[in-house]
PDB file of N, CA and C in Angstrom:
ATOM      1  N   MET A   1     167.758  29.663-347.362  1.00  0.00           N
ATOM      2  CA  MET A   1     166.246  28.802-347.397  1.00  0.00           C
ATOM      3  C   MET A   1     166.099  27.835-346.456  1.00  0.00           C
ATOM      4  N   LEU A   2     164.917  27.508-345.584  1.00  0.00           N
ATOM      5  CA  LEU A   2     164.774  26.522-344.901  1.00  0.00           C
ATOM      6  C   LEU A   2     164.461  25.202-345.579  1.00  0.00           C
ATOM      7  N   ALA A   3     164.754  23.999-345.006  1.00  0.00           N
ATOM      8  CA  ALA A   3     164.526  22.919-345.412  1.00  0.00           C
ATOM      9  C   ALA A   3     163.091  22.156-345.001  1.00  0.00           C
ATOM     10  N   MET A   4     162.353  21.666-345.720  1.00  0.00           N
ATOM     11  CA  MET A   4     161.198  21.279-344.978  1.00  0.00           C
ATOM     12  C   MET A   4     161.409  19.698-344.282  1.00  0.00           C
ATOM     13  N   ALA A   5     160.972  19.730-343.283  1.00  0.00           N
ATOM     14  CA  ALA A   5     160.941  18.315-342.349  1.00  0.00           C
ATOM     15  C   ALA A   5     160.159  17.326-343.271  1.00  0.00           C
ATOM     16  N   ALA A   6     160.919  16.290-343.668  1.00  0.00           N
ATOM     17  CA  ALA A   6     159.676  14.897-343.859  1.00  0.00           C
ATOM     18  C   ALA A   6     158.540  15.114-342.981  1.00  0.00           C
ATOM     19  N   TYR A   7     157.612  14.246-343.698  1.00  0.00           N
ATOM     20  CA  TYR A   7     156.291  14.235-343.094  1.00  0.00           C
ATOM     21  C   TYR A   7     156.362  12.865-342.113  1.00  0.00           C
ATOM     22  N   GLN A   8     155.629  13.193-340.403  1.00  0.00           N
ATOM     23  CA  GLN A   8     156.199  12.277-340.015  1.00  0.00           C
ATOM     24  C   GLN A   8     154.474  11.679-339.333  1.00  0.00           C
ATOM     25  N   THR A   9     154.517  10.535-338.830  1.00  0.00           N
ATOM     26  CA  THR A   9     153.337  10.036-338.225  1.00  0.00           C
ATOM     27  C   THR A   9     153.681   9.934-336.736  1.00  0.00           C
ATOM     28  N   VAL A  10     152.943   9.575-336.078  1.00  0.00           N
ATOM     29  CA  VAL A  10     153.085   9.674-334.647  1.00  0.00           C
ATOM     30  C   VAL A  10     153.619   8.326-334.178  1.00  0.00           C
ATOM     31  N   ASP A  11     153.805   7.243-335.032  1.00  0.00           N
ATOM     32  CA  ASP A  11     154.692   6.173-334.748  1.00  0.00           C
ATOM     33  C   ASP A  11     156.188   6.370-335.192  1.00  0.00           C
ATOM     34  N   ASP A  12     156.379   7.366-336.004  1.00  0.00           N
ATOM     35  CA  ASP A  12     157.860   7.887-336.358  1.00  0.00           C
ATOM     36  C   ASP A  12     158.661   8.726-335.069  1.00  0.00           C
ATOM     37  N   ILE A  13     157.796   9.286-334.224  1.00  0.00           N
ATOM     38  CA  ILE A  13     158.243  10.240-333.021  1.00  0.00           C
ATOM     39  C   ILE A  13     158.836   9.508-332.084  1.00  0.00           C
ATOM     40  N   ASN A  14     160.063   9.735-331.647  1.00  0.00           N
ATOM     41  CA  ASN A  14     161.022   8.766-330.413  1.00  0.00           C
ATOM     42  C   ASN A  14     160.685   9.626-329.549  1.00  0.00           C
ATOM     43  N   ASP A  15     159.965   9.498-328.270  1.00  0.00           N
ATOM     44  CA  ASP A  15     159.550   9.975-327.229  1.00  0.00           C
ATOM     45  C   ASP A  15     160.745  10.008-326.248  1.00  0.00           C
ATOM     46  N   ASP A  16     161.757   9.139-326.701  1.00  0.00           N
ATOM     47  CA  ASP A  16     162.819   8.852-325.426  1.00  0.00           C
ATOM     48  C   ASP A  16     163.827   9.914-325.671  1.00  0.00           C
ATOM     49  N   PHE A  17     163.858  10.897-326.742  1.00  0.00           N
ATOM     50  CA  PHE A  17     164.867  11.766-327.209  1.00  0.00           C
ATOM     51  C   PHE A  17     164.958  13.019-326.123  1.00  0.00           C
ATOM     52  N   ASN A  18     166.224  13.438-325.384  1.00  0.00           N
ATOM     53  CA  ASN A  18     166.177  13.859-324.764  1.00  0.00           C
ATOM     54  C   ASN A  18     167.599  14.858-324.805  1.00  0.00           C
ATOM     55  N   LEU A  19     167.798  15.858-324.529  1.00  0.00           N
ATOM     56  CA  LEU A  19     168.781  16.994-324.326  1.00  0.00           C
ATOM     57  C   LEU A  19     169.523  17.189-323.146  1.00  0.00           C
ATOM     58  N   ASP A  20     171.013  16.859-322.891  1.00  0.00           N
ATOM     59  CA  ASP A  20     171.537  17.218-321.504  1.00  0.00           C
ATOM     60  C   ASP A  20     171.441  18.763-321.580  1.00  0.00           C
ATOM     61  N   ARG A  21     170.849  18.798-320.255  1.00  0.00           N
ATOM     62  CA  ARG A  21     170.581  20.542-320.307  1.00  0.00           C
ATOM     63  C   ARG A  21     171.506  21.254-319.800  1.00  0.00           C
ATOM     64  N   ASP A  22     172.813  20.900-319.270  1.00  0.00           N
ATOM     65  CA  ASP A  22     174.247  21.173-318.854  1.00  0.00           C
ATOM     66  C   ASP A  22     174.769  21.781-320.077  1.00  0.00           C
ATOM     67  N   LYS A  23     174.554  21.188-321.413  1.00  0.00           N
ATOM     68  CA  LYS A  23     175.029  20.992-322.511  1.00  0.00           C
ATOM     69  C   LYS A  23     174.464  22.394-323.537  1.00  0.00           C
ATOM     70  N   LEU A  24     173.604  22.996-322.893  1.00  0.00           N
ATOM     71  CA  LEU A  24     172.797  24.076-323.506  1.00  0.00           C
ATOM     72  C   LEU A  24     173.161  25.278-323.193  1.00  0.00           C
ATOM     73  N   ALA A  25     173.449  26.245-324.329  1.00  0.00           N
ATOM     74  CA  ALA A  25     174.052  27.870-324.011  1.00  0.00           C
ATOM     75  C   ALA A  25     172.916  28.601-324.683  1.00  0.00           C
ATOM     76  N   LEU A  26     172.057  29.203-323.850  1.00  0.00           N
ATOM     77  CA  LEU A  26     170.961  30.108-324.479  1.00  0.00           C
ATOM     78  C   LEU A  26     171.893  31.287-324.917  1.00  0.00           C
ATOM     79  N   VAL A  27     171.281  31.716-326.431  1.00  0.00           N
ATOM     80  CA  VAL A  27     171.799  32.836-327.117  1.00  0.00           C
ATOM     81  C   VAL A  27     170.643  33.896-326.865  1.00  0.00           C
ATOM     82  N   ARG A  28     169.721  33.850-327.303  1.00  0.00           N
ATOM     83  CA  ARG A  28     168.809  34.827-327.252  1.00  0.00           C
ATOM     84  C   ARG A  28     167.199  34.458-327.267  1.00  0.00           C
ATOM     85  N   LEU A  29     166.585  35.558-327.033  1.00  0.00           N
ATOM     86  CA  LEU A  29     164.986  35.141-326.621  1.00  0.00           C
ATOM     87  C   LEU A  29     164.543  35.164-328.393  1.00  0.00           C
ATOM     88  N   LEU A  30     163.620  34.232-328.702  1.00  0.00           N
ATOM     89  CA  LEU A  30     162.925  34.260-329.948  1.00  0.00           C
ATOM     90  C   LEU A  30     161.736  34.568-330.096  1.00  0.00           C
ATOM     91  N   GLY A  31     160.892  34.371-329.064  1.00  0.00           N
ATOM     92  CA  GLY A  31     159.659  34.857-328.754  1.00  0.00           C
ATOM     93  C   GLY A  31     158.776  34.516-327.643  1.00  0.00           C
ATOM     94  N   THR A  32     157.561  34.848-327.204  1.00  0.00           N
ATOM     95  CA  THR A  32     157.168  34.549-325.851  1.00  0.00           C
ATOM     96  C   THR A  32     155.429  34.039-326.439  1.00  0.00           C
ATOM     97  N   GLY A  33     154.817  33.855-325.603  1.00  0.00           N
ATOM     98  CA  GLY A  33     153.663  33.426-325.923  1.00  0.00           C
ATOM     99  C   GLY A  33     152.738  33.305-324.435  1.00  0.00           C
ATOM    100  N   ASN A  34     151.545  32.561-324.795  1.00  0.00           N
ATOM    101  CA  ASN A  34     150.853  32.432-323.158  1.00  0.00           C
ATOM    102  C   ASN A  34     151.325  31.412-322.551  1.00  0.00           C
ATOM    103  N   PHE A  35     151.852  30.553-322.976  1.00  0.00           N
ATOM    104  CA  PHE A  35     152.263  29.246-322.338  1.00  0.00           C
ATOM    105  C   PHE A  35     153.992  29.401-321.922  1.00  0.00           C
ATOM    106  N   GLY A  36     154.720  30.313-322.234  1.00  0.00           N
ATOM    107  CA  GLY A  36     155.871  30.476-322.004  1.00  0.00           C
ATOM    108  C   GLY A  36     156.629  31.103-323.200  1.00  0.00           C
ATOM    109  N   GLN A  37     158.127  30.745-323.409  1.00  0.00           N
ATOM    110  CA  GLN A  37     158.965  31.465-324.498  1.00  0.00           C
ATOM    111  C   GLN A  37     159.907  30.349-325.008  1.00  0.00           C
ATOM    112  N   VAL A  38     160.306  30.698-326.307  1.00  0.00           N
ATOM    113  CA  VAL A  38     161.390  29.968-327.112  1.00  0.00           C
ATOM    114  C   VAL A  38     162.652  30.888-327.306  1.00  0.00           C
ATOM    115  N   SER A  39     163.636  29.899-327.009  1.00  0.00           N
ATOM    116  CA  SER A  39     165.053  30.959-326.962  1.00  0.00           C
ATOM    117  C   SER A  39     165.856  29.772-328.249  1.00  0.00           C
ATOM    118  N   LYS A  40     166.741  30.724-328.808  1.00  0.00           N
ATOM    119  CA  LYS A  40     167.516  30.101-329.686  1.00  0.00           C
ATOM    120  C   LYS A  40     168.809  29.451-328.522  1.00  0.00           C
ATOM    121  N   ALA A  41     169.515  28.268-328.789  1.00  0.00           N
ATOM    122  CA  ALA A  41     170.704  27.984-328.019  1.00  0.00           C
ATOM    123  C   ALA A  41     171.535  27.101-328.704  1.00  0.00           C
ATOM    124  N   ILE A  42     172.622  27.216-328.291  1.00  0.00           N
ATOM    125  CA  ILE A  42     173.687  26.218-328.826  1.00  0.00           C
ATOM    126  C   ILE A  42     174.177  24.925-328.022  1.00  0.00           C
ATOM    127  N   TYR A  43     174.097  23.971-328.610  1.00  0.00           N
ATOM    128  CA  TYR A  43     174.138  22.339-327.790  1.00  0.00           C
ATOM    129  C   TYR A  43     175.515  21.831-328.469  1.00  0.00           C
ATOM    130  N   GLY A  44     176.054  21.577-327.122  1.00  0.00           N
ATOM    131  CA  GLY A  44     177.433  20.624-326.865  1.00  0.00           C
ATOM    132  C   GLY A  44     178.350  21.091-327.931  1.00  0.00           C
ATOM    133  N   ALA A  45     179.337  20.101-327.947  1.00  0.00           N
ATOM    134  CA  ALA A  45     180.588  20.317-328.565  1.00  0.00           C
ATOM    135  C   ALA A  45     180.416  20.589-329.978  1.00  0.00           C
ATOM    136  N   SER A  46     179.491  19.867-330.531  1.00  0.00           N
ATOM    137  CA  SER A  46     178.811  20.023-332.014  1.00  0.00           C
ATOM    138  C   SER A  46     178.553  21.559-332.330  1.00  0.00           C
ATOM    139  N   HIS A  47     178.128  22.388-331.274  1.00  0.00           N
ATOM    140  CA  HIS A  47     177.567  23.576-331.590  1.00  0.00           C
ATOM    141  C   HIS A  47     176.512  23.772-332.515  1.00  0.00           C
ATOM    142  N   SER A  48     175.499  22.713-332.462  1.00  0.00           N
ATOM    143  CA  SER A  48     174.164  22.775-332.901  1.00  0.00           C
ATOM    144  C   SER A  48     173.619  23.884-332.523  1.00  0.00           C
ATOM    145  N   GLU A  49     172.989  24.478-333.565  1.00  0.00           N
ATOM    146  CA  GLU A  49     171.859  25.323-333.021  1.00  0.00           C
ATOM    147  C   GLU A  49     170.415  24.764-333.091  1.00  0.00           C
ATOM    148  N   VAL A  50     169.678  24.822-331.817  1.00  0.00           N
ATOM    149  CA  VAL A  50     168.459  24.205-331.325  1.00  0.00           C
ATOM    150  C   VAL A  50     167.605  25.499-330.864  1.00  0.00           C
ATOM    151  N   ALA A  51     166.278  25.159-330.818  1.00  0.00           N
ATOM    152  CA  ALA A  51     165.155  26.171-330.212  1.00  0.00           C
ATOM    153  C   ALA A  51     164.832  25.392-328.746  1.00  0.00           C
ATOM    154  N   VAL A  52     164.630  26.084-327.923  1.00  0.00           N
ATOM    155  CA  VAL A  52     164.603  25.682-326.664  1.00  0.00           C
ATOM    156  C   VAL A  52     163.165  26.208-326.213  1.00  0.00           C
ATOM    157  N   LYS A  53     161.900  25.424-326.170  1.00  0.00           N
ATOM    158  CA  LYS A  53     160.798  25.699-325.236  1.00  0.00           C
ATOM    159  C   LYS A  53     160.745  26.061-323.780  1.00  0.00           C
ATOM    160  N   SER A  54     160.866  27.043-322.978  1.00  0.00           N
ATOM    161  CA  SER A  54     160.313  26.704-321.498  1.00  0.00           C
ATOM    162  C   SER A  54     158.910  27.426-321.434  1.00  0.00           C
ATOM    163  N   LEU A  55     158.444  26.395-320.602  1.00  0.00           N
ATOM    164  CA  LEU A  55     156.847  26.629-319.977  1.00  0.00           C
ATOM    165  C   LEU A  55     156.968  27.442-319.009  1.00  0.00           C
ATOM    166  N   LYS A  56     155.791  28.112-318.775  1.00  0.00           N
ATOM    167  CA  LYS A  56     155.585  29.371-317.422  1.00  0.00           C
ATOM    168  C   LYS A  56     155.511  28.188-316.462  1.00  0.00           C
ATOM    169  N   GLY A  57     155.805  28.584-315.234  1.00  0.00           N
ATOM    170  CA  GLY A  57     155.381  27.528-314.070  1.00  0.00           C
ATOM    171  C   GLY A  57     153.957  27.172-313.673  1.00  0.00           C
ATOM    172  N   LYS A  58     153.175  27.997-314.316  1.00  0.00           N
ATOM    173  CA  LYS A  58     151.511  27.611-314.087  1.00  0.00           C
ATOM    174  C   LYS A  58     150.971  26.996-314.816  1.00  0.00           C
ATOM    175  N   TYR A  59     151.814  26.393-316.017  1.00  0.00           N
ATOM    176  CA  TYR A  59     151.367  25.073-317.179  1.00  0.00           C
ATOM    177  C   TYR A  59     152.351  24.081-316.809  1.00  0.00           C
ATOM    178  N   LEU A  60     153.284  23.990-316.139  1.00  0.00           N
ATOM    179  CA  LEU A  60     153.926  22.634-316.048  1.00  0.00           C
ATOM    180  C   LEU A  60     153.163  21.463-315.852  1.00  0.00           C
ATOM    181  N   ASP A  61     152.175  21.683-314.772  1.00  0.00           N
ATOM    182  CA  ASP A  61     151.592  20.636-314.002  1.00  0.00           C
ATOM    183  C   ASP A  61     150.194  20.364-314.970  1.00  0.00           C
ATOM    184  N   LEU A  62     149.938  21.382-316.017  1.00  0.00           N
ATOM    185  CA  LEU A  62     148.737  20.861-316.758  1.00  0.00           C
ATOM    186  C   LEU A  62     149.268  20.032-317.714  1.00  0.00           C
ATOM    187  N   PHE A  63     150.238  20.424-318.131  1.00  0.00           N
ATOM    188  CA  PHE A  63     150.909  19.774-319.371  1.00  0.00           C
ATOM    189  C   PHE A  63     151.499  18.459-318.617  1.00  0.00           C
ATOM    190  N   GLN A  64     152.125  18.070-317.704  1.00  0.00           N
ATOM    191  CA  GLN A  64     152.343  16.712-317.023  1.00  0.00           C
ATOM    192  C   GLN A  64     150.993  15.787-316.884  1.00  0.00           C
ATOM    193  N   ARG A  65     150.126  16.399-316.791  1.00  0.00           N
ATOM    194  CA  ARG A  65     148.927  15.846-316.719  1.00  0.00           C
ATOM    195  C   ARG A  65     148.369  15.278-317.815  1.00  0.00           C
ATOM    196  N   MET A  66     148.139  16.377-318.928  1.00  0.00           N
ATOM    197  CA  MET A  66     147.974  15.952-320.218  1.00  0.00           C
ATOM    198  C   MET A  66     148.687  14.974-320.780  1.00  0.00           C
ATOM    199  N   SER A  67     149.808  14.626-320.472  1.00  0.00           N
ATOM    200  CA  SER A  67     150.979  14.010-321.088  1.00  0.00           C
ATOM    201  C   SER A  67     150.476  12.416-320.898  1.00  0.00           C
ATOM    202  N   VAL A  68     149.555  12.109-319.724  1.00  0.00           N
ATOM    203  CA  VAL A  68     149.234  10.873-319.605  1.00  0.00           C
ATOM    204  C   VAL A  68     148.321  10.130-320.762  1.00  0.00           C
ATOM    205  N   PHE A  69     147.967  11.276-321.502  1.00  0.00           N
ATOM    206  CA  PHE A  69     147.042  10.902-322.945  1.00  0.00           C
ATOM    207  C   PHE A  69     148.031  10.867-324.305  1.00  0.00           C
ATOM    208  N   ASN A  70     149.171  11.123-323.863  1.00  0.00           N
ATOM    209  CA  ASN A  70     149.938  10.815-325.456  1.00  0.00           C
ATOM    210  C   ASN A  70     149.934   9.515-325.809  1.00  0.00           C
ATOM    211  N   ASN A  71     149.748   8.270-325.081  1.00  0.00           N
ATOM    212  CA  ASN A  71     150.055   7.044-325.302  1.00  0.00           C
ATOM    213  C   ASN A  71     148.669   6.123-325.563  1.00  0.00           C
ATOM    214  N   ASP A  72     147.585   7.085-325.118  1.00  0.00           N
ATOM    215  CA  ASP A  72     146.320   6.389-325.505  1.00  0.00           C
ATOM    216  C   ASP A  72     146.121   6.162-327.022  1.00  0.00           C
ATOM    217  N   VAL A  73     145.455   5.036-327.081  1.00  0.00           N
ATOM    218  CA  VAL A  73     145.080   4.514-328.610  1.00  0.00           C
ATOM    219  C   VAL A  73     143.424   5.221-328.436  1.00  0.00           C
ATOM    220  N   ILE A  74     143.108   5.626-329.736  1.00  0.00           N
ATOM    221  CA  ILE A  74     141.632   6.240-329.911  1.00  0.00           C
ATOM    222  C   ILE A  74     140.968   4.848-330.914  1.00  0.00           C
TER     223      ILE A  74
END
């Protein structure tokens, strides 16, 4: 059974979190959609299972431009 993640607010999210791409080993494709695909991967020496979202090339620029609004206060 999957555990439910604790409720998070925008202030709880650490935007500086990044994985080292060289330590990812893609296992299999989980699904595809309009913006890209999601794959199962194994990460690093801990062999942690992670999901990797890959955006299609034509959407990368759009999401980079939209990310400017992430830190705006409304």
